[in-house]
Amino acid sequence: MPSPLETRKDLVQEAVESGASHVGRIATIVTGAVRDVAREIGSFATDLFELREAQRRALRDHEREVDLDADAGPVAEDPVGHGR
């Protein structure tokens, strides 16, 4: 039969081991959550960069269209009224 001191030592040892296991599992959960949050933030930032680039392309395309319209000169009126 173990002595009271040995019984307390076993109890403390079990409590520390159990606590370490739970802390390890919690750390794994937190680490996974941090990783997932970082991934989502990165994905959101990528979306913003892509939207900004699409906006720049759209503005360039619009400016080209305006320049082409300006280069073409005024549109001649149809004196007979055809095409309207």
PDB file of N, CA and C in Angstrom:
ATOM      1  N   MET A   1       0.846  -1.164   0.000  1.00  0.00           N
ATOM      2  CA  MET A   1       0.000   0.000   0.000  1.00  0.00           C
ATOM      3  C   MET A   1       0.900   1.238   0.000  1.00  0.00           C
ATOM      4  N   PRO A   2       0.600   2.199  -0.922  1.00  0.00           N
ATOM      5  CA  PRO A   2       1.445   3.390  -0.996  1.00  0.00           C
ATOM      6  C   PRO A   2       1.215   4.306   0.203  1.00  0.00           C
ATOM      7  N   SER A   3       2.255   5.028   0.523  1.00  0.00           N
ATOM      8  CA  SER A   3       2.155   5.974   1.644  1.00  0.00           C
ATOM      9  C   SER A   3       1.348   7.200   1.205  1.00  0.00           C
ATOM     10  N   PRO A   4       0.854   7.985   2.170  1.00  0.00           N
ATOM     11  CA  PRO A   4       0.110   9.194   1.815  1.00  0.00           C
ATOM     12  C   PRO A   4       0.944  10.153   0.957  1.00  0.00           C
ATOM     13  N   LEU A   5       2.240  10.258   1.197  1.00  0.00           N
ATOM     14  CA  LEU A   5       3.107  11.134   0.421  1.00  0.00           C
ATOM     15  C   LEU A   5       3.175  10.659  -1.034  1.00  0.00           C
ATOM     16  N   GLU A   6       3.332   9.352  -1.204  1.00  0.00           N
ATOM     17  CA  GLU A   6       3.391   8.792  -2.559  1.00  0.00           C
ATOM     18  C   GLU A   6       2.047   8.969  -3.274  1.00  0.00           C
ATOM     19  N   THR A   7       0.945   8.843  -2.558  1.00  0.00           N
ATOM     20  CA  THR A   7      -0.378   9.031  -3.137  1.00  0.00           C
ATOM     21  C   THR A   7      -0.545  10.472  -3.612  1.00  0.00           C
ATOM     22  N   ARG A   8      -0.086  11.449  -2.785  1.00  0.00           N
ATOM     23  CA  ARG A   8      -0.172  12.859  -3.201  1.00  0.00           C
ATOM     24  C   ARG A   8       0.712  13.128  -4.417  1.00  0.00           C
ATOM     25  N   LYS A   9       1.901  12.528  -4.426  1.00  0.00           N
ATOM     26  CA  LYS A   9       2.810  12.688  -5.555  1.00  0.00           C
ATOM     27  C   LYS A   9       2.151  12.158  -6.819  1.00  0.00           C
ATOM     28  N   ASP A  10       1.518  11.015  -6.760  1.00  0.00           N
ATOM     29  CA  ASP A  10       0.835  10.427  -7.915  1.00  0.00           C
ATOM     30  C   ASP A  10      -0.314  11.322  -8.383  1.00  0.00           C
ATOM     31  N   LEU A  11      -1.063  11.900  -7.409  1.00  0.00           N
ATOM     32  CA  LEU A  11      -2.172  12.787  -7.739  1.00  0.00           C
ATOM     33  C   LEU A  11      -1.655  14.032  -8.455  1.00  0.00           C
ATOM     34  N   VAL A  12      -0.592  14.647  -7.906  1.00  0.00           N
ATOM     35  CA  VAL A  12      -0.014  15.838  -8.534  1.00  0.00           C
ATOM     36  C   VAL A  12       0.509  15.503  -9.927  1.00  0.00           C
ATOM     37  N   GLN A  13       1.175  14.372 -10.051  1.00  0.00           N
ATOM     38  CA  GLN A  13       1.712  13.959 -11.352  1.00  0.00           C
ATOM     39  C   GLN A  13       0.593  13.792 -12.373  1.00  0.00           C
ATOM     40  N   GLU A  14      -0.468  13.123 -12.004  1.00  0.00           N
ATOM     41  CA  GLU A  14      -1.609  12.930 -12.906  1.00  0.00           C
ATOM     42  C   GLU A  14      -2.236  14.268 -13.292  1.00  0.00           C
ATOM     43  N   ALA A  15      -2.373  15.177 -12.303  1.00  0.00           N
ATOM     44  CA  ALA A  15      -2.972  16.489 -12.574  1.00  0.00           C
ATOM     45  C   ALA A  15      -2.095  17.280 -13.543  1.00  0.00           C
ATOM     46  N   VAL A  16      -0.781  17.256 -13.350  1.00  0.00           N
ATOM     47  CA  VAL A  16       0.129  17.988 -14.235  1.00  0.00           C
ATOM     48  C   VAL A  16       0.089  17.387 -15.638  1.00  0.00           C
ATOM     49  N   GLU A  17       0.123  16.069 -15.742  1.00  0.00           N
ATOM     50  CA  GLU A  17       0.060  15.418 -17.053  1.00  0.00           C
ATOM     51  C   GLU A  17      -1.248  15.749 -17.772  1.00  0.00           C
ATOM     52  N   SER A  18      -2.349  15.687 -17.042  1.00  0.00           N
ATOM     53  CA  SER A  18      -3.651  15.995 -17.625  1.00  0.00           C
ATOM     54  C   SER A  18      -3.698  17.449 -18.081  1.00  0.00           C
ATOM     55  N   GLY A  19      -3.218  18.348 -17.214  1.00  0.00           N
ATOM     56  CA  GLY A  19      -3.191  19.767 -17.565  1.00  0.00           C
ATOM     57  C   GLY A  19      -2.343  20.016 -18.805  1.00  0.00           C
ATOM     58  N   ALA A  20      -1.182  19.383 -18.879  1.00  0.00           N
ATOM     59  CA  ALA A  20      -0.305  19.556 -20.040  1.00  0.00           C
ATOM     60  C   ALA A  20      -0.984  19.057 -21.313  1.00  0.00           C
ATOM     61  N   SER A  21      -1.679  17.945 -21.229  1.00  0.00           N
ATOM     62  CA  SER A  21      -2.388  17.414 -22.394  1.00  0.00           C
ATOM     63  C   SER A  21      -3.472  18.378 -22.864  1.00  0.00           C
ATOM     64  N   HIS A  22      -4.237  18.900 -21.908  1.00  0.00           N
ATOM     65  CA  HIS A  22      -5.313  19.835 -22.275  1.00  0.00           C
ATOM     66  C   HIS A  22      -4.748  21.134 -22.846  1.00  0.00           C
ATOM     67  N   VAL A  23      -3.693  21.648 -22.243  1.00  0.00           N
ATOM     68  CA  VAL A  23      -3.061  22.866 -22.750  1.00  0.00           C
ATOM     69  C   VAL A  23      -2.543  22.621 -24.165  1.00  0.00           C
ATOM     70  N   GLY A  24      -1.968  21.457 -24.393  1.00  0.00           N
ATOM     71  CA  GLY A  24      -1.481  21.125 -25.738  1.00  0.00           C
ATOM     72  C   GLY A  24      -2.603  21.091 -26.756  1.00  0.00           C
ATOM     73  N   ARG A  25      -3.727  20.483 -26.391  1.00  0.00           N
ATOM     74  CA  ARG A  25      -4.868  20.447 -27.309  1.00  0.00           C
ATOM     75  C   ARG A  25      -5.425  21.846 -27.570  1.00  0.00           C
ATOM     76  N   ILE A  26      -5.512  22.646 -26.511  1.00  0.00           N
ATOM     77  CA  ILE A  26      -6.005  24.020 -26.673  1.00  0.00           C
ATOM     78  C   ILE A  26      -5.049  24.813 -27.567  1.00  0.00           C
ATOM     79  N   ALA A  27      -3.748  24.642 -27.363  1.00  0.00           N
ATOM     80  CA  ALA A  27      -2.770  25.343 -28.195  1.00  0.00           C
ATOM     81  C   ALA A  27      -2.920  24.936 -29.660  1.00  0.00           C
ATOM     82  N   THR A  28      -3.192  23.671 -29.910  1.00  0.00           N
ATOM     83  CA  THR A  28      -3.405  23.206 -31.285  1.00  0.00           C
ATOM     84  C   THR A  28      -4.637  23.872 -31.889  1.00  0.00           C
ATOM     85  N   ILE A  29      -5.697  23.965 -31.104  1.00  0.00           N
ATOM     86  CA  ILE A  29      -6.927  24.621 -31.578  1.00  0.00           C
ATOM     87  C   ILE A  29      -6.652  26.089 -31.890  1.00  0.00           C
ATOM     88  N   VAL A  30      -5.978  26.784 -30.975  1.00  0.00           N
ATOM     89  CA  VAL A  30      -5.679  28.205 -31.170  1.00  0.00           C
ATOM     90  C   VAL A  30      -4.763  28.393 -32.378  1.00  0.00           C
ATOM     91  N   THR A  31      -3.754  27.541 -32.499  1.00  0.00           N
ATOM     92  CA  THR A  31      -2.841  27.640 -33.636  1.00  0.00           C
ATOM     93  C   THR A  31      -3.592  27.463 -34.950  1.00  0.00           C
ATOM     94  N   GLY A  32      -4.484  26.497 -34.999  1.00  0.00           N
ATOM     95  CA  GLY A  32      -5.290  26.287 -36.201  1.00  0.00           C
ATOM     96  C   GLY A  32      -6.181  27.479 -36.499  1.00  0.00           C
ATOM     97  N   ALA A  33      -6.758  28.053 -35.457  1.00  0.00           N
ATOM     98  CA  ALA A  33      -7.634  29.217 -35.650  1.00  0.00           C
ATOM     99  C   ALA A  33      -6.833  30.412 -36.164  1.00  0.00           C
ATOM    100  N   VAL A  34      -5.654  30.641 -35.604  1.00  0.00           N
ATOM    101  CA  VAL A  34      -4.810  31.742 -36.066  1.00  0.00           C
ATOM    102  C   VAL A  34      -4.418  31.529 -37.518  1.00  0.00           C
ATOM    103  N   ARG A  35      -4.063  30.310 -37.872  1.00  0.00           N
ATOM    104  CA  ARG A  35      -3.710  29.984 -39.255  1.00  0.00           C
ATOM    105  C   ARG A  35      -4.890  30.257 -40.194  1.00  0.00           C
ATOM    106  N   ASP A  36      -6.079  29.829 -39.799  1.00  0.00           N
ATOM    107  CA  ASP A  36      -7.269  30.034 -40.631  1.00  0.00           C
ATOM    108  C   ASP A  36      -7.596  31.519 -40.792  1.00  0.00           C
ATOM    109  N   VAL A  37      -7.466  32.281 -39.709  1.00  0.00           N
ATOM    110  CA  VAL A  37      -7.723  33.723 -39.776  1.00  0.00           C
ATOM    111  C   VAL A  37      -6.703  34.390 -40.696  1.00  0.00           C
ATOM    112  N   ALA A  38      -5.433  34.021 -40.564  1.00  0.00           N
ATOM    113  CA  ALA A  38      -4.397  34.595 -41.432  1.00  0.00           C
ATOM    114  C   ALA A  38      -4.675  34.266 -42.895  1.00  0.00           C
ATOM    115  N   ARG A  39      -5.114  33.058 -43.164  1.00  0.00           N
ATOM    116  CA  ARG A  39      -5.435  32.653 -44.538  1.00  0.00           C
ATOM    117  C   ARG A  39      -6.587  33.494 -45.087  1.00  0.00           C
ATOM    118  N   GLU A  40      -7.627  33.708 -44.288  1.00  0.00           N
ATOM    119  CA  GLU A  40      -8.773  34.499 -44.733  1.00  0.00           C
ATOM    120  C   GLU A  40      -8.389  35.961 -44.964  1.00  0.00           C
ATOM    121  N   ILE A  41      -7.569  36.512 -44.090  1.00  0.00           N
ATOM    122  CA  ILE A  41      -7.118  37.897 -44.276  1.00  0.00           C
ATOM    123  C   ILE A  41      -6.295  38.005 -45.557  1.00  0.00           C
ATOM    124  N   GLY A  42      -5.426  37.036 -45.791  1.00  0.00           N
ATOM    125  CA  GLY A  42      -4.637  37.036 -47.019  1.00  0.00           C
ATOM    126  C   GLY A  42      -5.501  36.919 -48.253  1.00  0.00           C
ATOM    127  N   SER A  43      -6.505  36.086 -48.196  1.00  0.00           N
ATOM    128  CA  SER A  43      -7.423  35.922 -49.324  1.00  0.00           C
ATOM    129  C   SER A  43      -8.193  37.216 -49.578  1.00  0.00           C
ATOM    130  N   PHE A  44      -8.621  37.880 -48.522  1.00  0.00           N
ATOM    131  CA  PHE A  44      -9.334  39.151 -48.652  1.00  0.00           C
ATOM    132  C   PHE A  44      -8.425  40.210 -49.269  1.00  0.00           C
ATOM    133  N   ALA A  45      -7.182  40.268 -48.815  1.00  0.00           N
ATOM    134  CA  ALA A  45      -6.232  41.234 -49.371  1.00  0.00           C
ATOM    135  C   ALA A  45      -6.001  40.959 -50.850  1.00  0.00           C
ATOM    136  N   THR A  46      -5.891  39.694 -51.234  1.00  0.00           N
ATOM    137  CA  THR A  46      -5.731  39.344 -52.651  1.00  0.00           C
ATOM    138  C   THR A  46      -6.928  39.820 -53.452  1.00  0.00           C
ATOM    139  N   ASP A  47      -8.125  39.622 -52.933  1.00  0.00           N
ATOM    140  CA  ASP A  47      -9.333  40.117 -53.610  1.00  0.00           C
ATOM    141  C   ASP A  47      -9.270  41.625 -53.811  1.00  0.00           C
ATOM    142  N   LEU A  48      -8.822  42.356 -52.790  1.00  0.00           N
ATOM    143  CA  LEU A  48      -8.735  43.811 -52.907  1.00  0.00           C
ATOM    144  C   LEU A  48      -7.723  44.219 -53.971  1.00  0.00           C
ATOM    145  N   PHE A  49      -6.576  43.541 -54.028  1.00  0.00           N
ATOM    146  CA  PHE A  49      -5.580  43.842 -55.059  1.00  0.00           C
ATOM    147  C   PHE A  49      -6.149  43.579 -56.452  1.00  0.00           C
ATOM    148  N   GLU A  50      -6.868  42.477 -56.594  1.00  0.00           N
ATOM    149  CA  GLU A  50      -7.453  42.143 -57.892  1.00  0.00           C
ATOM    150  C   GLU A  50      -8.524  43.163 -58.290  1.00  0.00           C
ATOM    151  N   LEU A  51      -9.331  43.605 -57.333  1.00  0.00           N
ATOM    152  CA  LEU A  51     -10.343  44.630 -57.622  1.00  0.00           C
ATOM    153  C   LEU A  51      -9.692  45.938 -58.037  1.00  0.00           C
ATOM    154  N   ARG A  52      -8.623  46.316 -57.349  1.00  0.00           N
ATOM    155  CA  ARG A  52      -7.922  47.555 -57.692  1.00  0.00           C
ATOM    156  C   ARG A  52      -7.340  47.471 -59.106  1.00  0.00           C
ATOM    157  N   GLU A  53      -6.744  46.338 -59.445  1.00  0.00           N
ATOM    158  CA  GLU A  53      -6.175  46.174 -60.788  1.00  0.00           C
ATOM    159  C   GLU A  53      -7.276  46.187 -61.848  1.00  0.00           C
ATOM    160  N   ALA A  54      -8.412  45.565 -61.566  1.00  0.00           N
ATOM    161  CA  ALA A  54      -9.531  45.580 -62.514  1.00  0.00           C
ATOM    162  C   ALA A  54     -10.033  47.008 -62.706  1.00  0.00           C
ATOM    163  N   GLN A  55     -10.081  47.780 -61.648  1.00  0.00           N
ATOM    164  CA  GLN A  55     -10.507  49.176 -61.753  1.00  0.00           C
ATOM    165  C   GLN A  55      -9.532  49.957 -62.622  1.00  0.00           C
ATOM    166  N   ARG A  56      -8.230  49.747 -62.435  1.00  0.00           N
ATOM    167  CA  ARG A  56      -7.233  50.439 -63.248  1.00  0.00           C
ATOM    168  C   ARG A  56      -7.367  50.072 -64.726  1.00  0.00           C
ATOM    169  N   ARG A  57      -7.582  48.782 -65.007  1.00  0.00           N
ATOM    170  CA  ARG A  57      -7.765  48.362 -66.400  1.00  0.00           C
ATOM    171  C   ARG A  57      -9.014  49.009 -67.000  1.00  0.00           C
ATOM    172  N   ALA A  58     -10.090  49.051 -66.225  1.00  0.00           N
ATOM    173  CA  ALA A  58     -11.327  49.653 -66.721  1.00  0.00           C
ATOM    174  C   ALA A  58     -11.127  51.140 -67.009  1.00  0.00           C
ATOM    175  N   LEU A  59     -10.409  51.840 -66.146  1.00  0.00           N
ATOM    176  CA  LEU A  59     -10.150  53.257 -66.382  1.00  0.00           C
ATOM    177  C   LEU A  59      -9.280  53.467 -67.623  1.00  0.00           C
ATOM    178  N   ARG A  60      -8.257  52.619 -67.797  1.00  0.00           N
ATOM    179  CA  ARG A  60      -7.416  52.722 -69.004  1.00  0.00           C
ATOM    180  C   ARG A  60      -8.234  52.473 -70.256  1.00  0.00           C
ATOM    181  N   ASP A  61      -9.080  51.442 -70.215  1.00  0.00           N
ATOM    182  CA  ASP A  61      -9.929  51.133 -71.376  1.00  0.00           C
ATOM    183  C   ASP A  61     -10.862  52.305 -71.687  1.00  0.00           C
ATOM    184  N   HIS A  62     -11.434  52.879 -70.651  1.00  0.00           N
ATOM    185  CA  HIS A  62     -12.339  54.019 -70.847  1.00  0.00           C
ATOM    186  C   HIS A  62     -11.583  55.204 -71.451  1.00  0.00           C
ATOM    187  N   GLU A  63     -10.379  55.476 -70.946  1.00  0.00           N
ATOM    188  CA  GLU A  63      -9.587  56.585 -71.483  1.00  0.00           C
ATOM    189  C   GLU A  63      -9.231  56.347 -72.951  1.00  0.00           C
ATOM    190  N   ARG A  64      -8.928  55.103 -73.304  1.00  0.00           N
ATOM    191  CA  ARG A  64      -8.633  54.784 -74.707  1.00  0.00           C
ATOM    192  C   ARG A  64      -9.862  55.031 -75.587  1.00  0.00           C
ATOM    193  N   GLU A  65     -11.023  54.624 -75.095  1.00  0.00           N
ATOM    194  CA  GLU A  65     -12.257  54.839 -75.863  1.00  0.00           C
ATOM    195  C   GLU A  65     -12.519  56.325 -76.050  1.00  0.00           C
ATOM    196  N   VAL A  66     -12.305  57.100 -75.007  1.00  0.00           N
ATOM    197  CA  VAL A  66     -12.513  58.548 -75.103  1.00  0.00           C
ATOM    198  C   VAL A  66     -11.517  59.140 -76.100  1.00  0.00           C
ATOM    199  N   ASP A  67     -10.259  58.701 -76.038  1.00  0.00           N
ATOM    200  CA  ASP A  67      -9.248  59.190 -76.975  1.00  0.00           C
ATOM    201  C   ASP A  67      -9.607  58.807 -78.406  1.00  0.00           C
ATOM    202  N   LEU A  68     -10.075  57.582 -78.630  1.00  0.00           N
ATOM    203  CA  LEU A  68     -10.458  57.153 -79.978  1.00  0.00           C
ATOM    204  C   LEU A  68     -11.634  57.965 -80.489  1.00  0.00           C
ATOM    205  N   ASP A  69     -12.600  58.246 -79.630  1.00  0.00           N
ATOM    206  CA  ASP A  69     -13.754  59.060 -80.025  1.00  0.00           C
ATOM    207  C   ASP A  69     -13.305  60.475 -80.378  1.00  0.00           C
ATOM    208  N   ALA A  70     -12.363  61.023 -79.620  1.00  0.00           N
ATOM    209  CA  ALA A  70     -11.876  62.374 -79.880  1.00  0.00           C
ATOM    210  C   ALA A  70     -11.095  62.415 -81.189  1.00  0.00           C
ATOM    211  N   ASP A  71     -10.319  61.366 -81.474  1.00  0.00           N
ATOM    212  CA  ASP A  71      -9.538  61.290 -82.707  1.00  0.00           C
ATOM    213  C   ASP A  71     -10.426  61.131 -83.933  1.00  0.00           C
ATOM    214  N   ALA A  72     -11.575  60.520 -83.794  1.00  0.00           N
ATOM    215  CA  ALA A  72     -12.460  60.261 -84.928  1.00  0.00           C
ATOM    216  C   ALA A  72     -13.143  61.530 -85.403  1.00  0.00           C
ATOM    217  N   GLY A  73     -13.182  62.540 -84.585  1.00  0.00           N
ATOM    218  CA  GLY A  73     -13.827  63.785 -84.982  1.00  0.00           C
ATOM    219  C   GLY A  73     -15.319  63.702 -84.786  1.00  0.00           C
ATOM    220  N   PRO A  74     -16.018  64.761 -85.176  1.00  0.00           N
ATOM    221  CA  PRO A  74     -17.478  64.771 -84.979  1.00  0.00           C
ATOM    222  C   PRO A  74     -18.156  63.762 -85.897  1.00  0.00           C
ATOM    223  N   VAL A  75     -19.262  63.259 -85.444  1.00  0.00           N
ATOM    224  CA  VAL A  75     -20.045  62.302 -86.219  1.00  0.00           C
ATOM    225  C   VAL A  75     -20.899  63.087 -87.203  1.00  0.00           C
ATOM    226  N   ALA A  76     -20.818  62.703 -88.494  1.00  0.00           N
ATOM    227  CA  ALA A  76     -21.594  63.412 -89.532  1.00  0.00           C
ATOM    228  C   ALA A  76     -23.067  63.095 -89.374  1.00  0.00           C
ATOM    229  N   GLU A  77     -23.880  64.136 -89.541  1.00  0.00           N
ATOM    230  CA  GLU A  77     -25.324  63.967 -89.481  1.00  0.00           C
ATOM    231  C   GLU A  77     -25.794  63.352 -90.794  1.00  0.00           C
ATOM    232  N   ASP A  78     -26.795  62.538 -90.712  1.00  0.00           N
ATOM    233  CA  ASP A  78     -27.405  61.949 -91.912  1.00  0.00           C
ATOM    234  C   ASP A  78     -28.456  62.936 -92.395  1.00  0.00           C
ATOM    235  N   PRO A  79     -28.202  63.606 -93.535  1.00  0.00           N
ATOM    236  CA  PRO A  79     -29.133  64.643 -93.967  1.00  0.00           C
ATOM    237  C   PRO A  79     -30.521  64.129 -94.303  1.00  0.00           C
ATOM    238  N   VAL A  80     -30.608  62.876 -94.689  1.00  0.00           N
ATOM    239  CA  VAL A  80     -31.915  62.335 -95.087  1.00  0.00           C
ATOM    240  C   VAL A  80     -32.657  61.804 -93.862  1.00  0.00           C
ATOM    241  N   GLY A  81     -31.926  61.499 -92.810  1.00  0.00           N
ATOM    242  CA  GLY A  81     -32.572  60.982 -91.593  1.00  0.00           C
ATOM    243  C   GLY A  81     -32.627  59.473 -91.550  1.00  0.00           C
ATOM    244  N   HIS A  82     -31.889  58.793 -92.440  1.00  0.00           N
ATOM    245  CA  HIS A  82     -31.834  57.340 -92.398  1.00  0.00           C
ATOM    246  C   HIS A  82     -31.026  56.884 -91.213  1.00  0.00           C
ATOM    247  N   GLY A  83     -31.306  55.741 -90.757  1.00  0.00           N
ATOM    248  CA  GLY A  83     -30.541  55.144 -89.677  1.00  0.00           C
ATOM    249  C   GLY A  83     -31.005  55.571 -88.296  1.00  0.00           C
ATOM    250  N   ARG A  84     -32.090  56.304 -88.242  1.00  0.00           N
ATOM    251  CA  ARG A  84     -32.582  56.718 -86.920  1.00  0.00           C
ATOM    252  C   ARG A  84     -33.909  56.133 -86.650  1.00  0.00           C
TER     253      ARG A  84
END
